[in-house]
Amino acid sequence: MAAPSGGVSCEEFAEFQELLKVMRTIDDRIVHELNTTVPTASFAGKIDASQTCKQLYESLMAAHASRDRVIKNCIAQTSAVVKNLREEREKNLDDLTLLKQLRKEQTKLKWMQSELNVEEVVNDRSWKVFNERCRIHFKPPKNE
């Protein structure tokens, strides 16, 4: 599933997480998808498994790239906010509201960065399952 149109809001971490959850639907359902679309040996003649695996491969690649872009974009946006808040804080060391805001944004940035690790685990799991079921039906291009 691609990123919803209209841009991604990185302001609220909960919204960011919810978006990623929706975008990870293809990975969450990959076992079911493979079980219903890639035939076992006894049904191999009824379905074109190579075409099915190719389409699933392309969908997974697109979903992973889309999520990677969203996460990295939000990390970049939040990093810029943190940088600006740090600069403001240097000018005004007595402003406790500014300090709270800075800490809040730093925490959000750490959470977003941790989503890169989550993404790596989700992707690895999906590719493992995909390769187990599709390796005999479809060979991904070498350059990816």
Protein backbone atom coordinates (compact mmCIF):
# COMPACT_ATOMS: atom_id res chain seq x y z
CA MET A 1 0.00 0.00 0.00
CA ALA A 2 1.37 3.37 -0.95
CA ALA A 3 1.42 6.43 1.24
CA PRO A 4 -1.92 8.21 1.36
CA SER A 5 -2.04 11.26 -0.85
CA GLY A 6 -2.08 14.71 0.64
CA GLY A 7 1.31 14.42 2.32
CA VAL A 8 2.28 12.93 5.61
CA SER A 9 1.90 14.70 8.91
CA CYS A 10 4.97 14.28 11.09
CA GLU A 11 3.67 16.58 13.82
CA GLU A 12 2.00 13.94 15.97
CA PHE A 13 3.89 10.71 16.56
CA ALA A 14 0.64 8.78 17.11
CA GLU A 15 -0.61 9.79 13.64
CA PHE A 16 2.77 8.87 12.15
CA GLN A 17 2.61 5.44 13.81
CA GLU A 18 -0.97 4.87 12.68
CA LEU A 19 0.01 5.69 9.09
CA LEU A 20 2.87 3.19 9.23
CA LYS A 21 0.52 0.57 10.66
CA VAL A 22 -1.83 1.04 7.70
CA MET A 23 1.09 1.02 5.27
CA ARG A 24 2.38 -2.25 6.78
CA THR A 25 -0.85 -4.09 5.97
CA ILE A 26 0.75 -5.90 3.01
CA ASP A 27 3.51 -7.21 5.27
CA ASP A 28 1.06 -8.23 7.99
CA ARG A 29 -0.99 -10.23 5.51
CA ILE A 30 1.79 -11.74 3.40
CA VAL A 31 1.39 -15.29 4.75
CA HIS A 32 -2.34 -15.22 4.01
CA GLU A 33 -1.69 -13.67 0.60
CA LEU A 34 0.82 -16.36 -0.31
CA ASN A 35 -1.39 -19.15 0.99
CA THR A 36 -4.34 -17.98 -1.11
CA THR A 37 -2.47 -17.04 -4.30
CA VAL A 38 0.57 -19.29 -4.64
CA PRO A 39 -0.48 -22.88 -5.21
CA THR A 40 0.92 -25.93 -3.55
CA ALA A 41 2.35 -28.62 -5.82
CA SER A 42 -1.03 -30.34 -6.22
CA PHE A 43 -2.68 -27.16 -7.59
CA ALA A 44 0.29 -25.83 -9.56
CA GLY A 45 -1.41 -26.14 -12.96
CA LYS A 46 -4.42 -24.01 -12.09
CA ILE A 47 -2.68 -20.71 -11.23
CA ASP A 48 0.24 -18.84 -12.78
CA ALA A 49 2.41 -18.71 -9.67
CA SER A 50 5.27 -16.87 -11.39
CA GLN A 51 2.99 -13.96 -12.32
CA THR A 52 1.42 -13.92 -8.85
CA CYS A 53 4.85 -13.90 -7.18
CA LYS A 54 6.08 -11.17 -9.53
CA GLN A 55 3.08 -8.96 -8.66
CA LEU A 56 3.55 -9.59 -4.95
CA TYR A 57 7.26 -8.81 -5.27
CA GLU A 58 6.49 -5.50 -6.98
CA SER A 59 3.87 -4.65 -4.34
CA LEU A 60 6.30 -5.41 -1.51
CA MET A 61 9.08 -3.37 -3.13
CA ALA A 62 6.75 -0.40 -3.59
CA ALA A 63 5.38 -0.64 -0.05
CA HIS A 64 8.84 -0.88 1.51
CA ALA A 65 10.17 2.03 -0.54
CA SER A 66 7.13 4.14 0.30
CA ARG A 67 7.43 3.51 4.03
CA ASP A 68 11.16 4.15 3.94
CA ARG A 69 10.51 7.53 2.27
CA VAL A 70 7.82 8.45 4.82
CA ILE A 71 9.99 7.52 7.82
CA LYS A 72 13.11 9.28 6.50
CA ASN A 73 11.10 12.35 5.51
CA CYS A 74 9.60 12.63 9.01
CA ILE A 75 13.03 12.11 10.59
CA ALA A 76 14.42 14.92 8.42
CA GLN A 77 11.52 17.25 9.27
CA THR A 78 11.75 16.54 13.00
CA SER A 79 15.56 16.88 12.93
CA ALA A 80 15.15 20.35 11.42
CA VAL A 81 12.68 21.31 14.16
CA VAL A 82 15.09 20.03 16.83
CA LYS A 83 17.95 21.98 15.26
CA ASN A 84 15.90 25.20 15.22
CA LEU A 85 14.76 24.69 18.81
CA ARG A 86 18.38 24.09 19.90
CA GLU A 87 19.44 27.33 18.24
CA GLU A 88 16.61 29.22 19.95
CA ARG A 89 17.50 27.58 23.25
CA GLU A 90 21.13 28.74 22.93
CA LYS A 91 19.86 32.34 22.63
CA ASN A 92 17.41 32.05 25.52
CA LEU A 93 18.62 29.66 28.22
CA ASP A 94 15.97 30.76 30.74
CA ASP A 95 12.94 29.79 28.60
CA LEU A 96 11.58 26.61 30.20
CA THR A 97 8.78 26.32 27.63
CA LEU A 98 11.39 26.18 24.90
CA LEU A 99 13.29 23.51 26.81
CA LYS A 100 10.14 21.39 27.18
CA GLN A 101 9.40 21.76 23.48
CA LEU A 102 12.96 20.78 22.59
CA ARG A 103 12.84 17.67 24.80
CA LYS A 104 9.46 16.69 23.35
CA GLU A 105 10.79 16.98 19.78
CA GLN A 106 13.99 15.10 20.66
CA THR A 107 11.93 12.25 22.10
CA LYS A 108 9.72 12.18 19.00
CA LEU A 109 12.85 12.09 16.83
CA LYS A 110 14.21 9.08 18.76
CA TRP A 111 10.90 7.26 18.35
CA MET A 112 10.88 7.96 14.62
CA GLN A 113 14.46 6.72 14.31
CA SER A 114 13.47 3.55 16.15
CA GLU A 115 10.81 2.99 13.46
CA LEU A 116 13.68 2.39 11.02
CA ASN A 117 14.65 -0.64 13.12
CA VAL A 118 11.04 -1.84 13.24
CA GLU A 119 10.87 -1.41 9.48
CA GLU A 120 13.98 -3.54 9.01
CA VAL A 121 12.46 -6.37 11.07
CA VAL A 122 9.11 -6.17 9.23
CA ASN A 123 10.83 -6.16 5.83
CA ASP A 124 13.14 -9.06 6.70
CA ARG A 125 10.21 -11.15 7.87
CA SER A 126 8.23 -10.43 4.70
CA TRP A 127 11.13 -11.26 2.39
CA LYS A 128 11.84 -14.48 4.27
CA VAL A 129 8.23 -15.65 3.85
CA PHE A 130 8.13 -14.44 0.23
CA ASN A 131 11.34 -16.31 -0.63
CA GLU A 132 10.16 -19.50 1.03
CA ARG A 133 7.04 -19.63 -1.11
CA CYS A 134 8.09 -17.90 -4.33
CA ARG A 135 11.73 -18.82 -4.89
CA ILE A 136 10.85 -21.62 -7.32
CA HIS A 137 8.29 -19.49 -9.20
CA PHE A 138 9.98 -16.10 -9.46
CA LYS A 139 13.55 -14.82 -9.39
CA PRO A 140 13.82 -11.10 -8.42
CA PRO A 141 16.10 -8.91 -10.55
CA LYS A 142 19.70 -9.00 -9.34
CA ASN A 143 20.08 -5.22 -9.05
CA GLU A 144 17.58 -4.94 -6.19
